[in-house]
Amino acid sequence: MKALSHSSIGLYKECPQRFKFRYVDGIKEGPRSYFSFGQSVHTALEFMYRSQLIAPSLQEILRHYETHWVSEGYASAHEEQTKKVQGARMVEAYYDKHIQNWQPAMATEHNFSIELDGAQIRGKIDRVDRLPSGALHVIDYKTGKSFSPERTQEDKQLTLYQIACEESFGASVEKLTLYHVPSLREADSPRHSSQQVASLRREIIQVKISIDQKVFDPKPDDYKCRWCDYKKICPAWVTPEAPGQPAKRGPASPMLKPLPADIAPKKTFAIPAPPPRGAWGDAGPVRDGSTAAPPWVAGLPAKSKETTVELINRAIKKTEELNAVLKEIRRRLPGTNGF
């Protein structure tokens, strides 16, 4: 089995079948613009802290951003150019805020590969700083939607990075940070607890065992599956008898039952559109106990016609009863004009 990562573990938990398509069968998904955008900004920030001697100038960073721009996944050239300008402004704003306190990083874009309880785990950490205490500070950049500061205290990706840093550098992690680049906001947390580390280890073991046992059951979800590249070949949506066709799915609700045989239509027929209100013809509206009906009812089959007339009669009767109740309420409450 190939090495796991934070993203692949998350993908397996979300949908084992999608994990299989991507990591076992090797079927690549299409490029996503938000991945390309994030990669482009991350590369520029990595360049800013790469040097161990002196900070690069803003012009050098923006030139690096331009030459390492990832253009995959955008719907149009206009969308790409818009995001490119947006990213450059984000990088410039970050530079202006942090250049005065610039210090070289201990590591940037640090690739790690570790073994946890028999599972091989790999990943890449955006930045690792050495604190004055000698302990480590792990920083993970985010370029997407905003998030609550509490996320840093519970983020499993940071827990994994803490484990990897301590194994890779032989020093204790003291501080963990999620940095939201669009808003220039940092969310900090002290090192994650031993309970969080143990919980993550158990989760990784469970995922590894399931993968080794080839447990790849799909988890269909109408919203999430709508955007999945594998939907057309997924067994949750495709029948073996008819490849490319949607799989048979159960009724949306147990309340949706077939009509009784005595009123179910025996054949399809067109129902003429009802006339405008007030155009019932000489027969007038249907009254309880009468056989009169609006002209458009005549277009129905005999059995359906009888059922329709009966339903209309009942509705009119209920309306008359309700009007009588409202009239009595008005009589007893003379101050309720327009009630």
C-alpha atoms as a PDB file:
ATOM      1  CA  MET A   1       0.000   0.000   0.000  1.00  0.00           C
ATOM      2  CA  LYS A   2       1.241   3.494  -0.810  1.00  0.00           C
ATOM      3  CA  ALA A   3       2.012   5.903   2.000  1.00  0.00           C
ATOM      4  CA  LEU A   4      -0.955   7.701   3.505  1.00  0.00           C
ATOM      5  CA  SER A   5      -1.257  11.435   4.030  1.00  0.00           C
ATOM      6  CA  HIS A   6      -3.584  13.750   5.883  1.00  0.00           C
ATOM      7  CA  SER A   7      -5.562  14.396   2.698  1.00  0.00           C
ATOM      8  CA  SER A   8      -5.791  10.726   1.653  1.00  0.00           C
ATOM      9  CA  ILE A   9      -6.936   9.687   5.138  1.00  0.00           C
ATOM     10  CA  GLY A  10      -9.596  12.387   5.021  1.00  0.00           C
ATOM     11  CA  LEU A  11     -10.670  11.252   1.564  1.00  0.00           C
ATOM     12  CA  TYR A  12     -11.031   7.641   2.732  1.00  0.00           C
ATOM     13  CA  LYS A  13     -13.211   8.704   5.661  1.00  0.00           C
ATOM     14  CA  GLU A  14     -15.362  10.827   3.353  1.00  0.00           C
ATOM     15  CA  CYS A  15     -15.773   8.101   0.697  1.00  0.00           C
ATOM     16  CA  PRO A  16     -13.741   4.856   0.552  1.00  0.00           C
ATOM     17  CA  GLN A  17     -14.814   4.276  -3.061  1.00  0.00           C
ATOM     18  CA  ARG A  18     -13.430   7.635  -4.148  1.00  0.00           C
ATOM     19  CA  PHE A  19     -10.197   6.810  -2.319  1.00  0.00           C
ATOM     20  CA  LYS A  20      -9.989   3.557  -4.278  1.00  0.00           C
ATOM     21  CA  PHE A  21     -10.508   5.272  -7.624  1.00  0.00           C
ATOM     22  CA  ARG A  22      -7.746   7.772  -6.888  1.00  0.00           C
ATOM     23  CA  TYR A  23      -5.111   5.915  -4.893  1.00  0.00           C
ATOM     24  CA  VAL A  24      -5.656   2.234  -5.741  1.00  0.00           C
ATOM     25  CA  ASP A  25      -6.862   2.375  -9.343  1.00  0.00           C
ATOM     26  CA  GLY A  26      -4.751   5.439 -10.124  1.00  0.00           C
ATOM     27  CA  ILE A  27      -7.552   7.364 -11.859  1.00  0.00           C
ATOM     28  CA  LYS A  28      -6.669  11.025 -11.570  1.00  0.00           C
ATOM     29  CA  GLU A  29      -9.245  13.698 -10.831  1.00  0.00           C
ATOM     30  CA  GLY A  30      -9.487  16.857 -12.883  1.00  0.00           C
ATOM     31  CA  PRO A  31      -7.538  19.931 -11.762  1.00  0.00           C
ATOM     32  CA  ARG A  32      -9.205  22.340  -9.326  1.00  0.00           C
ATOM     33  CA  SER A  33      -8.622  26.077  -9.510  1.00  0.00           C
ATOM     34  CA  TYR A  34      -8.539  26.481  -5.722  1.00  0.00           C
ATOM     35  CA  PHE A  35      -5.699  23.952  -5.470  1.00  0.00           C
ATOM     36  CA  SER A  36      -3.761  25.793  -8.183  1.00  0.00           C
ATOM     37  CA  PHE A  37      -4.347  29.139  -6.478  1.00  0.00           C
ATOM     38  CA  GLY A  38      -3.266  27.852  -3.064  1.00  0.00           C
ATOM     39  CA  GLN A  39      -0.148  26.235  -4.511  1.00  0.00           C
ATOM     40  CA  SER A  40       0.847  29.475  -6.261  1.00  0.00           C
ATOM     41  CA  VAL A  41       0.525  31.584  -3.090  1.00  0.00           C
ATOM     42  CA  HIS A  42       2.264  28.948  -0.946  1.00  0.00           C
ATOM     43  CA  THR A  43       5.224  28.917  -3.359  1.00  0.00           C
ATOM     44  CA  ALA A  44       5.642  32.689  -3.046  1.00  0.00           C
ATOM     45  CA  LEU A  45       5.560  32.612   0.762  1.00  0.00           C
ATOM     46  CA  GLU A  46       7.985  29.697   0.818  1.00  0.00           C
ATOM     47  CA  PHE A  47      10.381  31.761  -1.321  1.00  0.00           C
ATOM     48  CA  MET A  48      10.123  34.658   1.140  1.00  0.00           C
ATOM     49  CA  TYR A  49      11.524  32.541   3.997  1.00  0.00           C
ATOM     50  CA  ARG A  50      13.850  30.249   2.052  1.00  0.00           C
ATOM     51  CA  SER A  51      16.999  32.345   2.379  1.00  0.00           C
ATOM     52  CA  GLN A  52      19.075  31.939   5.535  1.00  0.00           C
ATOM     53  CA  LEU A  53      20.894  35.264   5.024  1.00  0.00           C
ATOM     54  CA  ILE A  54      18.623  38.093   3.934  1.00  0.00           C
ATOM     55  CA  ALA A  55      14.978  38.567   3.058  1.00  0.00           C
ATOM     56  CA  PRO A  56      14.192  38.889  -0.654  1.00  0.00           C
ATOM     57  CA  SER A  57      12.630  42.096  -1.910  1.00  0.00           C
ATOM     58  CA  LEU A  58       8.935  42.355  -2.737  1.00  0.00           C
ATOM     59  CA  GLN A  59       9.802  42.590  -6.434  1.00  0.00           C
ATOM     60  CA  GLU A  60      11.766  39.339  -6.235  1.00  0.00           C
ATOM     61  CA  ILE A  61       8.903  37.561  -4.482  1.00  0.00           C
ATOM     62  CA  LEU A  62       6.320  38.787  -6.990  1.00  0.00           C
ATOM     63  CA  ARG A  63       8.601  37.754  -9.855  1.00  0.00           C
ATOM     64  CA  HIS A  64       8.856  34.287  -8.298  1.00  0.00           C
ATOM     65  CA  TYR A  65       5.061  34.241  -7.890  1.00  0.00           C
ATOM     66  CA  GLU A  66       4.625  35.137 -11.567  1.00  0.00           C
ATOM     67  CA  THR A  67       7.048  32.543 -12.903  1.00  0.00           C
ATOM     68  CA  HIS A  68       5.683  29.747 -10.676  1.00  0.00           C
ATOM     69  CA  TRP A  69       1.996  30.504 -11.200  1.00  0.00           C
ATOM     70  CA  VAL A  70      -0.109  27.333 -11.629  1.00  0.00           C
ATOM     71  CA  SER A  71      -2.761  27.896 -14.286  1.00  0.00           C
ATOM     72  CA  GLU A  72      -4.656  24.584 -14.177  1.00  0.00           C
ATOM     73  CA  GLY A  73      -8.337  24.242 -13.397  1.00  0.00           C
ATOM     74  CA  TYR A  74      -9.643  27.721 -14.140  1.00  0.00           C
ATOM     75  CA  ALA A  75     -12.900  28.007 -16.066  1.00  0.00           C
ATOM     76  CA  SER A  76     -11.678  30.872 -18.247  1.00  0.00           C
ATOM     77  CA  ALA A  77      -8.715  33.145 -18.890  1.00  0.00           C
ATOM     78  CA  HIS A  78     -10.629  35.980 -17.212  1.00  0.00           C
ATOM     79  CA  GLU A  79     -11.153  33.952 -14.023  1.00  0.00           C
ATOM     80  CA  GLU A  80      -7.491  32.979 -13.972  1.00  0.00           C
ATOM     81  CA  GLN A  81      -6.302  36.552 -14.418  1.00  0.00           C
ATOM     82  CA  THR A  82      -8.660  37.770 -11.681  1.00  0.00           C
ATOM     83  CA  LYS A  83      -7.339  35.203  -9.207  1.00  0.00           C
ATOM     84  CA  LYS A  84      -3.763  35.905 -10.246  1.00  0.00           C
ATOM     85  CA  VAL A  85      -4.132  39.585  -9.395  1.00  0.00           C
ATOM     86  CA  GLN A  86      -5.902  38.701  -6.148  1.00  0.00           C
ATOM     87  CA  GLY A  87      -3.070  36.359  -5.154  1.00  0.00           C
ATOM     88  CA  ALA A  88      -0.408  38.968  -5.913  1.00  0.00           C
ATOM     89  CA  ARG A  89      -2.201  41.471  -3.676  1.00  0.00           C
ATOM     90  CA  MET A  90      -2.379  38.896  -0.888  1.00  0.00           C
ATOM     91  CA  VAL A  91       1.357  38.220  -1.145  1.00  0.00           C
ATOM     92  CA  GLU A  92       2.118  41.951  -1.146  1.00  0.00           C
ATOM     93  CA  ALA A  93      -0.084  42.553   1.924  1.00  0.00           C
ATOM     94  CA  TYR A  94       1.595  39.658   3.751  1.00  0.00           C
ATOM     95  CA  TYR A  95       5.034  41.047   2.894  1.00  0.00           C
ATOM     96  CA  ASP A  96       4.148  44.542   4.135  1.00  0.00           C
ATOM     97  CA  LYS A  97       2.915  43.162   7.461  1.00  0.00           C
ATOM     98  CA  HIS A  98       5.794  40.797   8.219  1.00  0.00           C
ATOM     99  CA  ILE A  99       8.933  42.095   6.515  1.00  0.00           C
ATOM    100  CA  GLN A 100       9.987  44.223   9.499  1.00  0.00           C
ATOM    101  CA  ASN A 101      10.154  41.153  11.771  1.00  0.00           C
ATOM    102  CA  TRP A 102      11.494  38.784   9.135  1.00  0.00           C
ATOM    103  CA  GLN A 103      13.576  35.886  10.394  1.00  0.00           C
ATOM    104  CA  PRO A 104      14.780  32.927   8.322  1.00  0.00           C
ATOM    105  CA  ALA A 105      12.702  29.813   8.809  1.00  0.00           C
ATOM    106  CA  MET A 106      14.154  26.596  10.147  1.00  0.00           C
ATOM    107  CA  ALA A 107      12.410  24.771   7.288  1.00  0.00           C
ATOM    108  CA  THR A 108      10.009  25.615   4.467  1.00  0.00           C
ATOM    109  CA  GLU A 109       7.915  23.157   2.468  1.00  0.00           C
ATOM    110  CA  HIS A 110       9.385  20.430   4.658  1.00  0.00           C
ATOM    111  CA  ASN A 111       8.713  16.956   3.221  1.00  0.00           C
ATOM    112  CA  PHE A 112       8.426  14.210   5.801  1.00  0.00           C
ATOM    113  CA  SER A 113       7.900  10.460   5.764  1.00  0.00           C
ATOM    114  CA  ILE A 114       7.323   8.678   9.067  1.00  0.00           C
ATOM    115  CA  GLU A 115       5.946   5.356  10.267  1.00  0.00           C
ATOM    116  CA  LEU A 116       3.102   5.287  12.766  1.00  0.00           C
ATOM    117  CA  ASP A 117       2.112   1.885  14.121  1.00  0.00           C
ATOM    118  CA  GLY A 118       2.924   0.154  10.854  1.00  0.00           C
ATOM    119  CA  ALA A 119       1.422   2.826   8.604  1.00  0.00           C
ATOM    120  CA  GLN A 120       3.691   4.889   6.382  1.00  0.00           C
ATOM    121  CA  ILE A 121       2.693   8.569   6.504  1.00  0.00           C
ATOM    122  CA  ARG A 122       4.002  11.327   4.294  1.00  0.00           C
ATOM    123  CA  GLY A 123       3.295  15.029   4.010  1.00  0.00           C
ATOM    124  CA  LYS A 124       4.625  18.543   3.530  1.00  0.00           C
ATOM    125  CA  ILE A 125       4.734  21.273   6.199  1.00  0.00           C
ATOM    126  CA  ASP A 126       4.590  24.877   4.989  1.00  0.00           C
ATOM    127  CA  ARG A 127       6.954  26.350   7.560  1.00  0.00           C
ATOM    128  CA  VAL A 128       8.778  25.453  10.779  1.00  0.00           C
ATOM    129  CA  ASP A 129      10.405  28.129  12.975  1.00  0.00           C
ATOM    130  CA  ARG A 130      12.791  27.705  15.894  1.00  0.00           C
ATOM    131  CA  LEU A 131      11.539  29.644  18.928  1.00  0.00           C
ATOM    132  CA  PRO A 132      13.930  31.395  21.360  1.00  0.00           C
ATOM    133  CA  SER A 133      13.240  28.555  23.810  1.00  0.00           C
ATOM    134  CA  GLY A 134      14.639  26.081  21.305  1.00  0.00           C
ATOM    135  CA  ALA A 135      11.203  24.532  20.761  1.00  0.00           C
ATOM    136  CA  LEU A 136       9.465  24.406  17.376  1.00  0.00           C
ATOM    137  CA  HIS A 137       6.685  26.522  15.901  1.00  0.00           C
ATOM    138  CA  VAL A 138       4.638  24.904  13.093  1.00  0.00           C
ATOM    139  CA  ILE A 139       2.867  27.235  10.628  1.00  0.00           C
ATOM    140  CA  ASP A 140       0.314  26.094   8.050  1.00  0.00           C
ATOM    141  CA  TYR A 141      -0.926  28.634   5.491  1.00  0.00           C
ATOM    142  CA  LYS A 142      -4.568  28.677   4.398  1.00  0.00           C
ATOM    143  CA  THR A 143      -5.803  30.544   1.313  1.00  0.00           C
ATOM    144  CA  GLY A 144      -9.451  29.459   1.277  1.00  0.00           C
ATOM    145  CA  LYS A 145     -12.461  30.355   3.389  1.00  0.00           C
ATOM    146  CA  SER A 146     -12.110  31.896   6.829  1.00  0.00           C
ATOM    147  CA  PHE A 147     -12.378  29.701   9.918  1.00  0.00           C
ATOM    148  CA  SER A 148     -12.863  30.064  13.664  1.00  0.00           C
ATOM    149  CA  PRO A 149      -9.751  30.463  15.860  1.00  0.00           C
ATOM    150  CA  GLU A 150     -10.800  27.337  17.782  1.00  0.00           C
ATOM    151  CA  ARG A 151     -10.043  25.201  14.725  1.00  0.00           C
ATOM    152  CA  THR A 152      -6.308  25.352  15.480  1.00  0.00           C
ATOM    153  CA  GLN A 153      -6.852  23.628  18.812  1.00  0.00           C
ATOM    154  CA  GLU A 154      -8.573  20.654  17.162  1.00  0.00           C
ATOM    155  CA  ASP A 155      -7.057  20.466  13.675  1.00  0.00           C
ATOM    156  CA  LYS A 156      -5.847  16.900  13.047  1.00  0.00           C
ATOM    157  CA  GLN A 157      -3.488  18.021  10.313  1.00  0.00           C
ATOM    158  CA  LEU A 158      -1.586  20.078  12.894  1.00  0.00           C
ATOM    159  CA  THR A 159      -1.545  17.079  15.238  1.00  0.00           C
ATOM    160  CA  LEU A 160       0.099  15.049  12.471  1.00  0.00           C
ATOM    161  CA  TYR A 161       2.585  17.846  11.758  1.00  0.00           C
ATOM    162  CA  GLN A 162       3.455  17.993  15.457  1.00  0.00           C
ATOM    163  CA  ILE A 163       4.256  14.269  15.466  1.00  0.00           C
ATOM    164  CA  ALA A 164       6.267  14.553  12.223  1.00  0.00           C
ATOM    165  CA  CYS A 165       8.288  17.583  13.361  1.00  0.00           C
ATOM    166  CA  GLU A 166       9.243  16.047  16.676  1.00  0.00           C
ATOM    167  CA  GLU A 167      10.379  12.883  14.920  1.00  0.00           C
ATOM    168  CA  SER A 168      12.166  14.728  12.114  1.00  0.00           C
ATOM    169  CA  PHE A 169      13.962  17.427  14.135  1.00  0.00           C
ATOM    170  CA  GLY A 170      14.244  15.813  17.558  1.00  0.00           C
ATOM    171  CA  ALA A 171      12.779  18.834  19.325  1.00  0.00           C
ATOM    172  CA  SER A 172       9.471  19.506  21.040  1.00  0.00           C
ATOM    173  CA  VAL A 173       6.725  21.479  19.295  1.00  0.00           C
ATOM    174  CA  GLU A 174       5.563  24.364  21.460  1.00  0.00           C
ATOM    175  CA  LYS A 175       3.256  26.335  19.153  1.00  0.00           C
ATOM    176  CA  LEU A 176       0.911  25.534  16.269  1.00  0.00           C
ATOM    177  CA  THR A 177      -0.504  28.163  13.878  1.00  0.00           C
ATOM    178  CA  LEU A 178      -3.057  28.254  11.104  1.00  0.00           C
ATOM    179  CA  TYR A 179      -2.405  31.428   9.103  1.00  0.00           C
ATOM    180  CA  HIS A 180      -5.305  32.697   6.972  1.00  0.00           C
ATOM    181  CA  VAL A 181      -3.472  34.622   4.264  1.00  0.00           C
ATOM    182  CA  PRO A 182      -6.482  36.491   2.736  1.00  0.00           C
ATOM    183  CA  SER A 183      -7.287  38.150   6.091  1.00  0.00           C
ATOM    184  CA  LEU A 184      -3.709  38.158   7.492  1.00  0.00           C
ATOM    185  CA  ARG A 185      -5.037  36.541  10.670  1.00  0.00           C
ATOM    186  CA  GLU A 186      -3.186  33.987  12.767  1.00  0.00           C
ATOM    187  CA  ALA A 187      -4.907  31.376  14.921  1.00  0.00           C
ATOM    188  CA  ASP A 188      -2.469  29.957  17.448  1.00  0.00           C
ATOM    189  CA  SER A 189      -2.597  26.958  19.752  1.00  0.00           C
ATOM    190  CA  PRO A 190      -0.198  25.366  22.221  1.00  0.00           C
ATOM    191  CA  ARG A 191       1.038  21.873  21.377  1.00  0.00           C
ATOM    192  CA  HIS A 192      -1.729  19.303  21.055  1.00  0.00           C
ATOM    193  CA  SER A 193      -2.291  16.971  23.969  1.00  0.00           C
ATOM    194  CA  SER A 194      -1.147  13.373  24.263  1.00  0.00           C
ATOM    195  CA  GLN A 195      -4.832  12.389  24.085  1.00  0.00           C
ATOM    196  CA  GLN A 196      -5.147  14.077  20.675  1.00  0.00           C
ATOM    197  CA  VAL A 197      -2.009  12.327  19.465  1.00  0.00           C
ATOM    198  CA  ALA A 198      -3.301   8.939  20.660  1.00  0.00           C
ATOM    199  CA  SER A 199      -6.698   9.565  19.050  1.00  0.00           C
ATOM    200  CA  LEU A 200      -5.092  10.378  15.698  1.00  0.00           C
ATOM    201  CA  ARG A 201      -2.927   7.260  15.895  1.00  0.00           C
ATOM    202  CA  ARG A 202      -6.029   5.108  16.463  1.00  0.00           C
ATOM    203  CA  GLU A 203      -7.777   6.740  13.519  1.00  0.00           C
ATOM    204  CA  ILE A 204      -4.815   6.095  11.226  1.00  0.00           C
ATOM    205  CA  ILE A 205      -4.651   2.442  12.320  1.00  0.00           C
ATOM    206  CA  GLN A 206      -8.375   1.973  11.681  1.00  0.00           C
ATOM    207  CA  VAL A 207      -8.086   3.498   8.194  1.00  0.00           C
ATOM    208  CA  LYS A 208      -5.035   1.358   7.366  1.00  0.00           C
ATOM    209  CA  ILE A 209      -6.785  -1.851   8.491  1.00  0.00           C
ATOM    210  CA  SER A 210      -9.864  -1.019   6.401  1.00  0.00           C
ATOM    211  CA  ILE A 211      -7.717  -0.335   3.342  1.00  0.00           C
ATOM    212  CA  ASP A 212      -5.720  -3.552   3.840  1.00  0.00           C
ATOM    213  CA  GLN A 213      -9.023  -5.442   4.021  1.00  0.00           C
ATOM    214  CA  LYS A 214     -10.139  -3.719   0.788  1.00  0.00           C
ATOM    215  CA  VAL A 215     -13.153  -2.043   2.355  1.00  0.00           C
ATOM    216  CA  PHE A 216     -14.094   0.475  -0.323  1.00  0.00           C
ATOM    217  CA  ASP A 217     -17.847   0.880   0.061  1.00  0.00           C
ATOM    218  CA  PRO A 218     -19.148   4.122  -1.471  1.00  0.00           C
ATOM    219  CA  LYS A 219     -20.887   6.745   0.639  1.00  0.00           C
ATOM    220  CA  PRO A 220     -23.330   8.384  -1.798  1.00  0.00           C
ATOM    221  CA  ASP A 221     -24.392  11.919  -1.010  1.00  0.00           C
ATOM    222  CA  ASP A 222     -26.455  13.916  -3.492  1.00  0.00           C
ATOM    223  CA  TYR A 223     -24.627  17.195  -2.818  1.00  0.00           C
ATOM    224  CA  LYS A 224     -21.050  15.918  -2.592  1.00  0.00           C
ATOM    225  CA  CYS A 225     -21.435  13.420  -5.432  1.00  0.00           C
ATOM    226  CA  ARG A 226     -22.674  16.169  -7.720  1.00  0.00           C
ATOM    227  CA  TRP A 227     -19.109  17.498  -7.974  1.00  0.00           C
ATOM    228  CA  CYS A 228     -17.277  14.154  -7.965  1.00  0.00           C
ATOM    229  CA  ASP A 229     -15.257  13.284 -11.069  1.00  0.00           C
ATOM    230  CA  TYR A 230     -15.924   9.581 -10.499  1.00  0.00           C
ATOM    231  CA  LYS A 231     -19.726   9.737 -10.423  1.00  0.00           C
ATOM    232  CA  LYS A 232     -20.101   8.305 -13.937  1.00  0.00           C
ATOM    233  CA  ILE A 233     -18.211   5.152 -12.981  1.00  0.00           C
ATOM    234  CA  CYS A 234     -19.198   4.858  -9.313  1.00  0.00           C
ATOM    235  CA  PRO A 235     -21.197   1.720  -8.364  1.00  0.00           C
ATOM    236  CA  ALA A 236     -23.453   3.869  -6.184  1.00  0.00           C
ATOM    237  CA  TRP A 237     -24.662   5.652  -9.313  1.00  0.00           C
ATOM    238  CA  VAL A 238     -24.155   3.105 -12.110  1.00  0.00           C
ATOM    239  CA  THR A 239     -25.733  -0.331 -12.562  1.00  0.00           C
ATOM    240  CA  PRO A 240     -23.576  -3.205 -13.906  1.00  0.00           C
ATOM    241  CA  GLU A 241     -26.347  -4.075 -16.380  1.00  0.00           C
ATOM    242  CA  ALA A 242     -26.400  -0.584 -17.875  1.00  0.00           C
ATOM    243  CA  PRO A 243     -23.012   1.171 -17.609  1.00  0.00           C
ATOM    244  CA  GLY A 244     -23.325   4.912 -17.737  1.00  0.00           C
ATOM    245  CA  GLN A 245     -26.905   4.842 -16.462  1.00  0.00           C
ATOM    246  CA  PRO A 246     -27.966   5.944 -12.976  1.00  0.00           C
ATOM    247  CA  ALA A 247     -28.319   3.118 -10.487  1.00  0.00           C
ATOM    248  CA  LYS A 248     -31.793   2.264  -9.288  1.00  0.00           C
ATOM    249  CA  ARG A 249     -32.472   4.067  -6.054  1.00  0.00           C
ATOM    250  CA  GLY A 250     -35.226   3.592  -3.514  1.00  0.00           C
ATOM    251  CA  PRO A 251     -38.192   5.935  -3.196  1.00  0.00           C
ATOM    252  CA  ALA A 252     -37.420   9.322  -1.711  1.00  0.00           C
ATOM    253  CA  SER A 253     -39.945   8.727   1.056  1.00  0.00           C
ATOM    254  CA  PRO A 254     -41.954   5.747   2.384  1.00  0.00           C
ATOM    255  CA  MET A 255     -44.989   8.010   2.074  1.00  0.00           C
ATOM    256  CA  LEU A 256     -44.787   7.731  -1.703  1.00  0.00           C
ATOM    257  CA  LYS A 257     -47.034   4.716  -2.245  1.00  0.00           C
ATOM    258  CA  PRO A 258     -48.858   3.640  -5.424  1.00  0.00           C
ATOM    259  CA  LEU A 259     -52.414   4.933  -5.921  1.00  0.00           C
ATOM    260  CA  PRO A 260     -55.251   2.535  -5.070  1.00  0.00           C
ATOM    261  CA  ALA A 261     -56.271   0.410  -8.045  1.00  0.00           C
ATOM    262  CA  ASP A 262     -59.785   1.919  -8.225  1.00  0.00           C
ATOM    263  CA  ILE A 263     -58.507   5.453  -8.852  1.00  0.00           C
ATOM    264  CA  ALA A 264     -55.156   4.808 -10.518  1.00  0.00           C
ATOM    265  CA  PRO A 265     -55.286   5.849 -14.184  1.00  0.00           C
ATOM    266  CA  LYS A 266     -55.330   2.905 -16.570  1.00  0.00           C
ATOM    267  CA  LYS A 267     -53.733   4.914 -19.319  1.00  0.00           C
ATOM    268  CA  THR A 268     -52.166   8.292 -19.830  1.00  0.00           C
ATOM    269  CA  PHE A 269     -54.352  11.154 -20.950  1.00  0.00           C
ATOM    270  CA  ALA A 270     -54.093  14.887 -21.338  1.00  0.00           C
ATOM    271  CA  ILE A 271     -56.095  17.050 -18.919  1.00  0.00           C
ATOM    272  CA  PRO A 272     -57.275  20.263 -20.563  1.00  0.00           C
ATOM    273  CA  ALA A 273     -56.102  23.364 -18.716  1.00  0.00           C
ATOM    274  CA  PRO A 274     -58.781  24.846 -16.404  1.00  0.00           C
ATOM    275  CA  PRO A 275     -60.375  28.076 -17.636  1.00  0.00           C
ATOM    276  CA  PRO A 276     -59.735  31.447 -15.967  1.00  0.00           C
ATOM    277  CA  ARG A 277     -61.356  32.045 -12.597  1.00  0.00           C
ATOM    278  CA  GLY A 278     -65.010  32.900 -12.961  1.00  0.00           C
ATOM    279  CA  ALA A 279     -65.359  31.194 -16.367  1.00  0.00           C
ATOM    280  CA  TRP A 280     -67.072  28.013 -15.252  1.00  0.00           C
ATOM    281  CA  GLY A 281     -69.830  28.394 -17.804  1.00  0.00           C
ATOM    282  CA  ASP A 282     -73.606  28.313 -17.320  1.00  0.00           C
ATOM    283  CA  ALA A 283     -73.461  25.404 -14.906  1.00  0.00           C
ATOM    284  CA  GLY A 284     -71.794  27.586 -12.255  1.00  0.00           C
ATOM    285  CA  PRO A 285     -69.603  26.199  -9.450  1.00  0.00           C
ATOM    286  CA  VAL A 286     -70.181  22.684  -8.204  1.00  0.00           C
ATOM    287  CA  ARG A 287     -72.394  22.401  -5.110  1.00  0.00           C
ATOM    288  CA  ASP A 288     -72.626  19.532  -2.662  1.00  0.00           C
ATOM    289  CA  GLY A 289     -75.022  16.880  -3.914  1.00  0.00           C
ATOM    290  CA  SER A 290     -75.190  18.231  -7.453  1.00  0.00           C
ATOM    291  CA  THR A 291     -73.896  16.660 -10.636  1.00  0.00           C
ATOM    292  CA  ALA A 292     -72.869  19.921 -12.269  1.00  0.00           C
ATOM    293  CA  ALA A 293     -69.168  20.298 -13.045  1.00  0.00           C
ATOM    294  CA  PRO A 294     -66.928  22.843 -14.762  1.00  0.00           C
ATOM    295  CA  PRO A 295     -66.463  22.180 -18.484  1.00  0.00           C
ATOM    296  CA  TRP A 296     -62.778  21.121 -18.161  1.00  0.00           C
ATOM    297  CA  VAL A 297     -63.789  18.122 -15.997  1.00  0.00           C
ATOM    298  CA  ALA A 298     -65.555  16.667 -19.052  1.00  0.00           C
ATOM    299  CA  GLY A 299     -62.168  15.835 -20.537  1.00  0.00           C
ATOM    300  CA  LEU A 300     -61.421  13.301 -17.773  1.00  0.00           C
ATOM    301  CA  PRO A 301     -62.140   9.540 -17.957  1.00  0.00           C
ATOM    302  CA  ALA A 302     -65.428   8.555 -16.295  1.00  0.00           C
ATOM    303  CA  LYS A 303     -63.922   7.167 -13.065  1.00  0.00           C
ATOM    304  CA  SER A 304     -61.513  10.079 -12.610  1.00  0.00           C
ATOM    305  CA  LYS A 305     -64.365  12.515 -13.395  1.00  0.00           C
ATOM    306  CA  GLU A 306     -66.468  11.106 -10.558  1.00  0.00           C
ATOM    307  CA  THR A 307     -63.530  11.290  -8.142  1.00  0.00           C
ATOM    308  CA  THR A 308     -62.713  14.875  -9.158  1.00  0.00           C
ATOM    309  CA  VAL A 309     -66.311  16.062  -8.737  1.00  0.00           C
ATOM    310  CA  GLU A 310     -66.495  14.394  -5.326  1.00  0.00           C
ATOM    311  CA  LEU A 311     -63.301  16.088  -4.169  1.00  0.00           C
ATOM    312  CA  ILE A 312     -64.486  19.493  -5.391  1.00  0.00           C
ATOM    313  CA  ASN A 313     -67.804  19.047  -3.588  1.00  0.00           C
ATOM    314  CA  ARG A 314     -66.037  18.162  -0.350  1.00  0.00           C
ATOM    315  CA  ALA A 315     -63.743  21.170  -0.619  1.00  0.00           C
ATOM    316  CA  ILE A 316     -66.681  23.523  -1.180  1.00  0.00           C
ATOM    317  CA  LYS A 317     -68.553  22.047   1.780  1.00  0.00           C
ATOM    318  CA  LYS A 318     -65.536  22.488   4.062  1.00  0.00           C
ATOM    319  CA  THR A 319     -65.167  26.086   2.855  1.00  0.00           C
ATOM    320  CA  GLU A 320     -68.810  26.831   3.645  1.00  0.00           C
ATOM    321  CA  GLU A 321     -68.425  25.308   7.118  1.00  0.00           C
ATOM    322  CA  LEU A 322     -65.320  27.404   7.759  1.00  0.00           C
ATOM    323  CA  ASN A 323     -67.109  30.573   6.620  1.00  0.00           C
ATOM    324  CA  ALA A 324     -69.940  29.826   9.063  1.00  0.00           C
ATOM    325  CA  VAL A 325     -67.463  29.465  11.939  1.00  0.00           C
ATOM    326  CA  LEU A 326     -65.754  32.751  11.033  1.00  0.00           C
ATOM    327  CA  LYS A 327     -69.112  34.485  10.821  1.00  0.00           C
ATOM    328  CA  GLU A 328     -70.016  33.297  14.349  1.00  0.00           C
ATOM    329  CA  ILE A 329     -66.648  34.520  15.671  1.00  0.00           C
ATOM    330  CA  ARG A 330     -67.254  37.957  14.195  1.00  0.00           C
ATOM    331  CA  ARG A 331     -70.698  38.061  15.791  1.00  0.00           C
ATOM    332  CA  ARG A 332     -69.338  37.233  19.237  1.00  0.00           C
ATOM    333  CA  LEU A 333     -66.364  39.565  18.896  1.00  0.00           C
ATOM    334  CA  PRO A 334     -67.824  42.816  17.524  1.00  0.00           C
ATOM    335  CA  GLY A 335     -64.517  44.645  17.845  1.00  0.00           C
ATOM    336  CA  THR A 336     -62.743  42.424  15.321  1.00  0.00           C
ATOM    337  CA  ASN A 337     -63.430  44.360  12.129  1.00  0.00           C
ATOM    338  CA  GLY A 338     -61.984  42.587   9.159  1.00  0.00           C
ATOM    339  CA  PHE A 339     -61.202  39.453  11.199  1.00  0.00           C
END
